[in-house]
Amino acid sequence: MSTLQQQAKALGDPTRHAIFQYIADAGDGVDVAELTEHFGFNHNAIRQHLAKLVDADLVTESPAPVTGRGRPKLIYRVSPSTESRWGVAGPYERLSWLLTEIVRSGETPVEVGRRAIERQHLGSPTPDRDPIDALVAEMERSGFEPTVRRRGDQVDIVLGTCPFASTAQIDPDTVCNLHLGMAYGVAELVDGLVIDELVPHDPRRANCRLRCHVARSAAE
């Protein structure tokens, strides 16, 4: 069965489609408890629906940051690779919007990327959130598959995938600066996050490094 067929089958169930749409509308990721409360089903029923969505590559599953004892809860977001045919914007549709804005406005890719994050989180700044967690979550949502490497005060966010790889091969400066602008946008939403630089790599191999640190006053 092709991915498209599997996705169509997964969304053919009305309840599962409603769960998918709820996750898409939420934007910042939801957990099982929130879905259980909203839909009025038990946890097991919600988890079964989520498993189908994850298997169809419609939704991603990742652990939330550890805040205490016990196993961290799982957070669900719409997969960045999900195509616009299912009612959400696919990665290249989002890229086309950003590139159009660069041409229309005459502004730099960095500024357009920064403003895209500002619009996405308009009215919902999160100054109390862990700065690195906030940056990682945004990179996950955008499809970069980030991992964190710490060296003292310096933090490298290794971007395991470039969601715009084919375009980045043609115009790496524009695409990379869009990504850098997105990081700046996150830094404006949380306290203490300082973006130092983006170290680009071959987009076909990914693993670009977004270097940053947390200001000491915010870390203490």
C-alpha atoms as a PDB file:
ATOM      1  CA  MET A   1       0.000   0.000   0.000  1.00  0.00           C
ATOM      2  CA  SER A   2       1.410   3.416  -0.941  1.00  0.00           C
ATOM      3  CA  THR A   3       1.833   6.183   1.628  1.00  0.00           C
ATOM      4  CA  LEU A   4      -1.004   8.132   0.022  1.00  0.00           C
ATOM      5  CA  GLN A   5      -3.331   5.125   0.242  1.00  0.00           C
ATOM      6  CA  GLN A   6      -2.320   4.489   3.859  1.00  0.00           C
ATOM      7  CA  GLN A   7      -2.979   8.117   4.761  1.00  0.00           C
ATOM      8  CA  ALA A   8      -6.341   8.110   3.007  1.00  0.00           C
ATOM      9  CA  LYS A   9      -7.303   4.954   4.886  1.00  0.00           C
ATOM     10  CA  ALA A  10      -6.182   6.399   8.213  1.00  0.00           C
ATOM     11  CA  LEU A  11      -8.204   9.569   7.687  1.00  0.00           C
ATOM     12  CA  GLY A  12     -11.230   7.653   6.431  1.00  0.00           C
ATOM     13  CA  ASP A  13     -12.350   7.155  10.020  1.00  0.00           C
ATOM     14  CA  PRO A  14     -14.298  10.306  11.060  1.00  0.00           C
ATOM     15  CA  THR A  15     -13.004  10.291  14.636  1.00  0.00           C
ATOM     16  CA  ARG A  16      -9.412   9.824  13.516  1.00  0.00           C
ATOM     17  CA  HIS A  17      -9.801  12.628  10.981  1.00  0.00           C
ATOM     18  CA  ALA A  18     -11.159  14.886  13.740  1.00  0.00           C
ATOM     19  CA  ILE A  19      -8.163  14.054  15.951  1.00  0.00           C
ATOM     20  CA  PHE A  20      -5.788  14.814  13.078  1.00  0.00           C
ATOM     21  CA  GLN A  21      -7.482  18.156  12.440  1.00  0.00           C
ATOM     22  CA  TYR A  22      -7.393  19.043  16.140  1.00  0.00           C
ATOM     23  CA  ILE A  23      -3.644  18.379  16.249  1.00  0.00           C
ATOM     24  CA  ALA A  24      -3.149  20.437  13.071  1.00  0.00           C
ATOM     25  CA  ASP A  25      -5.109  23.369  14.484  1.00  0.00           C
ATOM     26  CA  ALA A  26      -3.286  23.214  17.827  1.00  0.00           C
ATOM     27  CA  GLY A  27       0.043  23.954  16.144  1.00  0.00           C
ATOM     28  CA  ASP A  28       2.206  23.555  19.266  1.00  0.00           C
ATOM     29  CA  GLY A  29       1.636  19.840  19.876  1.00  0.00           C
ATOM     30  CA  VAL A  30      -0.830  18.036  22.131  1.00  0.00           C
ATOM     31  CA  ASP A  31      -0.711  15.047  24.470  1.00  0.00           C
ATOM     32  CA  VAL A  32      -3.082  12.156  25.081  1.00  0.00           C
ATOM     33  CA  ALA A  33      -4.645  13.811  28.128  1.00  0.00           C
ATOM     34  CA  GLU A  34      -5.670  16.884  26.140  1.00  0.00           C
ATOM     35  CA  LEU A  35      -7.180  14.761  23.373  1.00  0.00           C
ATOM     36  CA  THR A  36      -8.981  12.571  25.904  1.00  0.00           C
ATOM     37  CA  GLU A  37     -10.533  15.597  27.566  1.00  0.00           C
ATOM     38  CA  HIS A  38     -11.545  17.189  24.258  1.00  0.00           C
ATOM     39  CA  PHE A  39     -13.059  14.118  22.607  1.00  0.00           C
ATOM     40  CA  GLY A  40     -14.392  12.334  25.683  1.00  0.00           C
ATOM     41  CA  PHE A  41     -12.838   8.954  24.852  1.00  0.00           C
ATOM     42  CA  ASN A  42     -10.658   6.846  27.120  1.00  0.00           C
ATOM     43  CA  HIS A  43      -6.880   6.965  26.854  1.00  0.00           C
ATOM     44  CA  ASN A  44      -6.577   3.612  25.082  1.00  0.00           C
ATOM     45  CA  ALA A  45      -9.007   4.601  22.322  1.00  0.00           C
ATOM     46  CA  ILE A  46      -7.115   7.855  21.719  1.00  0.00           C
ATOM     47  CA  ARG A  47      -3.781   6.024  21.658  1.00  0.00           C
ATOM     48  CA  GLN A  48      -5.080   3.554  19.060  1.00  0.00           C
ATOM     49  CA  HIS A  49      -6.164   6.369  16.780  1.00  0.00           C
ATOM     50  CA  LEU A  50      -2.830   8.139  17.271  1.00  0.00           C
ATOM     51  CA  ALA A  51      -0.915   4.961  16.435  1.00  0.00           C
ATOM     52  CA  LYS A  52      -2.728   4.771  13.082  1.00  0.00           C
ATOM     53  CA  LEU A  53      -1.906   8.406  12.336  1.00  0.00           C
ATOM     54  CA  VAL A  54       1.751   7.909  13.282  1.00  0.00           C
ATOM     55  CA  ASP A  55       2.041   4.735  11.156  1.00  0.00           C
ATOM     56  CA  ALA A  56       0.639   6.674   8.174  1.00  0.00           C
ATOM     57  CA  ASP A  57       3.239   9.430   8.688  1.00  0.00           C
ATOM     58  CA  LEU A  58       0.485  11.972   9.269  1.00  0.00           C
ATOM     59  CA  VAL A  59       1.490  12.698  12.867  1.00  0.00           C
ATOM     60  CA  THR A  60       4.799  12.590  14.730  1.00  0.00           C
ATOM     61  CA  GLU A  61       5.304  11.323  18.276  1.00  0.00           C
ATOM     62  CA  SER A  62       8.068  12.660  20.505  1.00  0.00           C
ATOM     63  CA  PRO A  63       8.703  12.793  24.259  1.00  0.00           C
ATOM     64  CA  ALA A  64       8.116  16.071  26.055  1.00  0.00           C
ATOM     65  CA  PRO A  65      11.042  17.595  27.972  1.00  0.00           C
ATOM     66  CA  VAL A  66      11.608  15.879  31.314  1.00  0.00           C
ATOM     67  CA  THR A  67      10.306  18.043  34.171  1.00  0.00           C
ATOM     68  CA  GLY A  68      10.376  15.585  37.064  1.00  0.00           C
ATOM     69  CA  ARG A  69      10.270  11.925  37.962  1.00  0.00           C
ATOM     70  CA  GLY A  70       8.549   9.362  35.825  1.00  0.00           C
ATOM     71  CA  ARG A  71       8.321   8.733  32.139  1.00  0.00           C
ATOM     72  CA  PRO A  72       7.875  11.920  30.040  1.00  0.00           C
ATOM     73  CA  LYS A  73       4.549  12.299  28.274  1.00  0.00           C
ATOM     74  CA  LEU A  74       4.391  11.969  24.500  1.00  0.00           C
ATOM     75  CA  ILE A  75       3.616  14.982  22.343  1.00  0.00           C
ATOM     76  CA  TYR A  76       1.878  14.695  18.967  1.00  0.00           C
ATOM     77  CA  ARG A  77       2.254  17.100  16.063  1.00  0.00           C
ATOM     78  CA  VAL A  78       1.299  16.990  12.408  1.00  0.00           C
ATOM     79  CA  SER A  79       4.181  15.500  10.426  1.00  0.00           C
ATOM     80  CA  PRO A  80       6.105  18.221   8.564  1.00  0.00           C
ATOM     81  CA  SER A  81       5.986  16.060   5.424  1.00  0.00           C
ATOM     82  CA  THR A  82       2.176  15.926   5.384  1.00  0.00           C
ATOM     83  CA  GLU A  83       0.920  17.180   2.051  1.00  0.00           C
ATOM     84  CA  SER A  84      -1.550  20.034   1.648  1.00  0.00           C
ATOM     85  CA  ARG A  85      -4.153  17.643   0.201  1.00  0.00           C
ATOM     86  CA  TRP A  86      -5.101  16.751   3.784  1.00  0.00           C
ATOM     87  CA  GLY A  87      -5.974  20.305   4.754  1.00  0.00           C
ATOM     88  CA  VAL A  88      -2.590  21.370   6.126  1.00  0.00           C
ATOM     89  CA  ALA A  89       0.302  23.065   4.380  1.00  0.00           C
ATOM     90  CA  GLY A  90       3.124  20.808   3.187  1.00  0.00           C
ATOM     91  CA  PRO A  91       6.767  21.922   3.518  1.00  0.00           C
ATOM     92  CA  TYR A  92       7.125  23.239  -0.020  1.00  0.00           C
ATOM     93  CA  GLU A  93       3.832  25.085   0.167  1.00  0.00           C
ATOM     94  CA  ARG A  94       5.133  26.838   3.270  1.00  0.00           C
ATOM     95  CA  LEU A  95       8.403  27.579   1.485  1.00  0.00           C
ATOM     96  CA  SER A  96       6.542  29.065  -1.484  1.00  0.00           C
ATOM     97  CA  TRP A  97       4.739  31.468   0.863  1.00  0.00           C
ATOM     98  CA  LEU A  98       8.034  32.601   2.385  1.00  0.00           C
ATOM     99  CA  LEU A  99       9.767  33.029  -0.978  1.00  0.00           C
ATOM    100  CA  THR A 100       6.802  34.992  -2.292  1.00  0.00           C
ATOM    101  CA  GLU A 101       6.998  37.271   0.740  1.00  0.00           C
ATOM    102  CA  ILE A 102      10.711  37.884   0.119  1.00  0.00           C
ATOM    103  CA  VAL A 103       9.979  38.943  -3.470  1.00  0.00           C
ATOM    104  CA  ARG A 104       6.896  40.992  -2.586  1.00  0.00           C
ATOM    105  CA  SER A 105       8.324  42.800   0.436  1.00  0.00           C
ATOM    106  CA  GLY A 106      11.941  43.179  -0.681  1.00  0.00           C
ATOM    107  CA  GLU A 107      13.027  42.196   2.833  1.00  0.00           C
ATOM    108  CA  THR A 108      15.847  39.808   3.681  1.00  0.00           C
ATOM    109  CA  PRO A 109      15.225  36.067   4.153  1.00  0.00           C
ATOM    110  CA  VAL A 110      16.310  36.451   7.789  1.00  0.00           C
ATOM    111  CA  GLU A 111      13.601  39.044   8.458  1.00  0.00           C
ATOM    112  CA  VAL A 112      10.928  37.055   6.614  1.00  0.00           C
ATOM    113  CA  GLY A 113      11.805  33.895   8.561  1.00  0.00           C
ATOM    114  CA  ARG A 114      11.745  35.789  11.849  1.00  0.00           C
ATOM    115  CA  ARG A 115       8.366  37.317  11.089  1.00  0.00           C
ATOM    116  CA  ALA A 116       6.918  33.938  10.085  1.00  0.00           C
ATOM    117  CA  ILE A 117       7.555  32.674  13.618  1.00  0.00           C
ATOM    118  CA  GLU A 118       6.141  35.873  15.082  1.00  0.00           C
ATOM    119  CA  ARG A 119       2.902  35.428  13.122  1.00  0.00           C
ATOM    120  CA  GLN A 120       2.649  31.767  14.049  1.00  0.00           C
ATOM    121  CA  HIS A 121       2.851  32.531  17.762  1.00  0.00           C
ATOM    122  CA  LEU A 122       1.032  35.878  17.735  1.00  0.00           C
ATOM    123  CA  GLY A 123      -0.572  36.488  21.102  1.00  0.00           C
ATOM    124  CA  SER A 124       1.069  33.455  22.719  1.00  0.00           C
ATOM    125  CA  PRO A 125       4.617  34.363  23.820  1.00  0.00           C
ATOM    126  CA  THR A 126       6.191  31.790  26.149  1.00  0.00           C
ATOM    127  CA  PRO A 127       8.843  33.638  28.184  1.00  0.00           C
ATOM    128  CA  ASP A 128       8.817  31.010  30.983  1.00  0.00           C
ATOM    129  CA  ARG A 129       9.514  28.078  28.677  1.00  0.00           C
ATOM    130  CA  ASP A 130      12.973  26.510  28.605  1.00  0.00           C
ATOM    131  CA  PRO A 131      14.697  28.369  25.741  1.00  0.00           C
ATOM    132  CA  ILE A 132      16.409  25.345  24.213  1.00  0.00           C
ATOM    133  CA  ASP A 133      13.254  23.228  24.451  1.00  0.00           C
ATOM    134  CA  ALA A 134      11.327  25.976  22.659  1.00  0.00           C
ATOM    135  CA  LEU A 135      13.882  26.125  19.846  1.00  0.00           C
ATOM    136  CA  VAL A 136      14.006  22.336  19.466  1.00  0.00           C
ATOM    137  CA  ALA A 137      10.201  22.133  19.372  1.00  0.00           C
ATOM    138  CA  GLU A 138      10.027  24.722  16.593  1.00  0.00           C
ATOM    139  CA  MET A 139      12.690  22.923  14.572  1.00  0.00           C
ATOM    140  CA  GLU A 140      10.829  19.623  15.049  1.00  0.00           C
ATOM    141  CA  ARG A 141       7.575  21.195  13.919  1.00  0.00           C
ATOM    142  CA  SER A 142       9.301  22.507  10.790  1.00  0.00           C
ATOM    143  CA  GLY A 143      10.746  19.100   9.914  1.00  0.00           C
ATOM    144  CA  PHE A 144      14.437  19.467  10.786  1.00  0.00           C
ATOM    145  CA  GLU A 145      14.693  16.405  13.079  1.00  0.00           C
ATOM    146  CA  PRO A 146      16.916  18.258  15.585  1.00  0.00           C
ATOM    147  CA  THR A 147      19.198  16.820  18.228  1.00  0.00           C
ATOM    148  CA  VAL A 148      20.901  18.766  21.001  1.00  0.00           C
ATOM    149  CA  ARG A 149      24.622  18.766  21.731  1.00  0.00           C
ATOM    150  CA  ARG A 150      25.896  20.755  24.706  1.00  0.00           C
ATOM    151  CA  ARG A 151      29.451  21.901  25.360  1.00  0.00           C
ATOM    152  CA  GLY A 152      29.460  23.970  28.505  1.00  0.00           C
ATOM    153  CA  ASP A 153      27.397  27.091  27.861  1.00  0.00           C
ATOM    154  CA  GLN A 154      27.399  26.475  24.103  1.00  0.00           C
ATOM    155  CA  VAL A 155      24.528  24.506  22.593  1.00  0.00           C
ATOM    156  CA  ASP A 156      24.507  23.074  19.077  1.00  0.00           C
ATOM    157  CA  ILE A 157      21.158  22.117  17.566  1.00  0.00           C
ATOM    158  CA  VAL A 158      22.065  19.614  14.847  1.00  0.00           C
ATOM    159  CA  LEU A 159      19.429  19.701  12.115  1.00  0.00           C
ATOM    160  CA  GLY A 160      19.227  16.109  10.919  1.00  0.00           C
ATOM    161  CA  THR A 161      17.055  16.859   7.880  1.00  0.00           C
ATOM    162  CA  CYS A 162      16.564  19.860   5.622  1.00  0.00           C
ATOM    163  CA  PRO A 163      12.852  20.063   4.721  1.00  0.00           C
ATOM    164  CA  PHE A 164      13.748  22.239   1.720  1.00  0.00           C
ATOM    165  CA  ALA A 165      16.786  20.249   0.567  1.00  0.00           C
ATOM    166  CA  SER A 166      16.206  20.410  -3.190  1.00  0.00           C
ATOM    167  CA  THR A 167      15.662  24.189  -3.106  1.00  0.00           C
ATOM    168  CA  ALA A 168      18.628  24.668  -0.779  1.00  0.00           C
ATOM    169  CA  GLN A 169      20.895  23.039  -3.362  1.00  0.00           C
ATOM    170  CA  ILE A 170      19.937  25.781  -5.828  1.00  0.00           C
ATOM    171  CA  ASP A 171      19.925  28.763  -3.458  1.00  0.00           C
ATOM    172  CA  PRO A 172      21.450  27.813  -0.101  1.00  0.00           C
ATOM    173  CA  ASP A 173      21.874  31.417   1.066  1.00  0.00           C
ATOM    174  CA  THR A 174      18.160  32.174   0.847  1.00  0.00           C
ATOM    175  CA  VAL A 175      16.989  28.927   2.431  1.00  0.00           C
ATOM    176  CA  CYS A 176      19.598  28.914   5.208  1.00  0.00           C
ATOM    177  CA  ASN A 177      18.879  32.533   6.080  1.00  0.00           C
ATOM    178  CA  LEU A 178      15.162  31.763   6.271  1.00  0.00           C
ATOM    179  CA  HIS A 179      16.025  29.061   8.798  1.00  0.00           C
ATOM    180  CA  LEU A 180      18.276  31.444  10.722  1.00  0.00           C
ATOM    181  CA  GLY A 181      15.480  34.012  10.809  1.00  0.00           C
ATOM    182  CA  MET A 182      13.120  31.393  12.229  1.00  0.00           C
ATOM    183  CA  ALA A 183      15.599  30.768  15.049  1.00  0.00           C
ATOM    184  CA  TYR A 184      15.775  34.501  15.758  1.00  0.00           C
ATOM    185  CA  GLY A 185      11.983  34.518  15.876  1.00  0.00           C
ATOM    186  CA  VAL A 186      11.960  31.824  18.562  1.00  0.00           C
ATOM    187  CA  ALA A 187      14.606  33.737  20.534  1.00  0.00           C
ATOM    188  CA  GLU A 188      12.268  36.729  20.686  1.00  0.00           C
ATOM    189  CA  LEU A 189       9.537  34.590  22.280  1.00  0.00           C
ATOM    190  CA  VAL A 190      11.555  33.175  25.177  1.00  0.00           C
ATOM    191  CA  ASP A 191      13.881  34.683  27.751  1.00  0.00           C
ATOM    192  CA  GLY A 192      17.628  34.347  27.469  1.00  0.00           C
ATOM    193  CA  LEU A 193      18.040  32.494  24.166  1.00  0.00           C
ATOM    194  CA  VAL A 194      20.890  33.902  22.069  1.00  0.00           C
ATOM    195  CA  ILE A 195      21.374  32.667  18.496  1.00  0.00           C
ATOM    196  CA  ASP A 196      25.063  32.775  17.602  1.00  0.00           C
ATOM    197  CA  GLU A 197      25.228  31.398  14.059  1.00  0.00           C
ATOM    198  CA  LEU A 198      24.002  28.795  11.607  1.00  0.00           C
ATOM    199  CA  VAL A 199      26.787  26.573  10.257  1.00  0.00           C
ATOM    200  CA  PRO A 200      25.471  25.170   6.955  1.00  0.00           C
ATOM    201  CA  HIS A 201      26.320  21.808   5.423  1.00  0.00           C
ATOM    202  CA  ASP A 202      25.477  20.151   2.135  1.00  0.00           C
ATOM    203  CA  PRO A 203      21.634  20.065   2.197  1.00  0.00           C
ATOM    204  CA  ARG A 204      21.655  16.541   0.742  1.00  0.00           C
ATOM    205  CA  ARG A 205      23.455  15.318   3.858  1.00  0.00           C
ATOM    206  CA  ALA A 206      21.879  17.868   6.247  1.00  0.00           C
ATOM    207  CA  ASN A 207      23.351  18.078   9.774  1.00  0.00           C
ATOM    208  CA  CYS A 208      23.617  21.859   9.685  1.00  0.00           C
ATOM    209  CA  ARG A 209      24.395  23.252  13.129  1.00  0.00           C
ATOM    210  CA  LEU A 210      22.414  26.006  14.776  1.00  0.00           C
ATOM    211  CA  ARG A 211      24.712  27.356  17.462  1.00  0.00           C
ATOM    212  CA  CYS A 212      23.245  29.201  20.420  1.00  0.00           C
ATOM    213  CA  HIS A 213      23.540  29.726  24.141  1.00  0.00           C
ATOM    214  CA  VAL A 214      21.362  30.754  27.069  1.00  0.00           C
ATOM    215  CA  ALA A 215      22.271  34.001  28.772  1.00  0.00           C
ATOM    216  CA  ARG A 216      23.480  33.342  32.298  1.00  0.00           C
ATOM    217  CA  SER A 217      20.802  35.492  33.931  1.00  0.00           C
ATOM    218  CA  ALA A 218      18.125  33.322  32.305  1.00  0.00           C
ATOM    219  CA  ALA A 219      19.910  30.036  33.024  1.00  0.00           C
ATOM    220  CA  GLU A 220      20.309  30.737  36.761  1.00  0.00           C
END
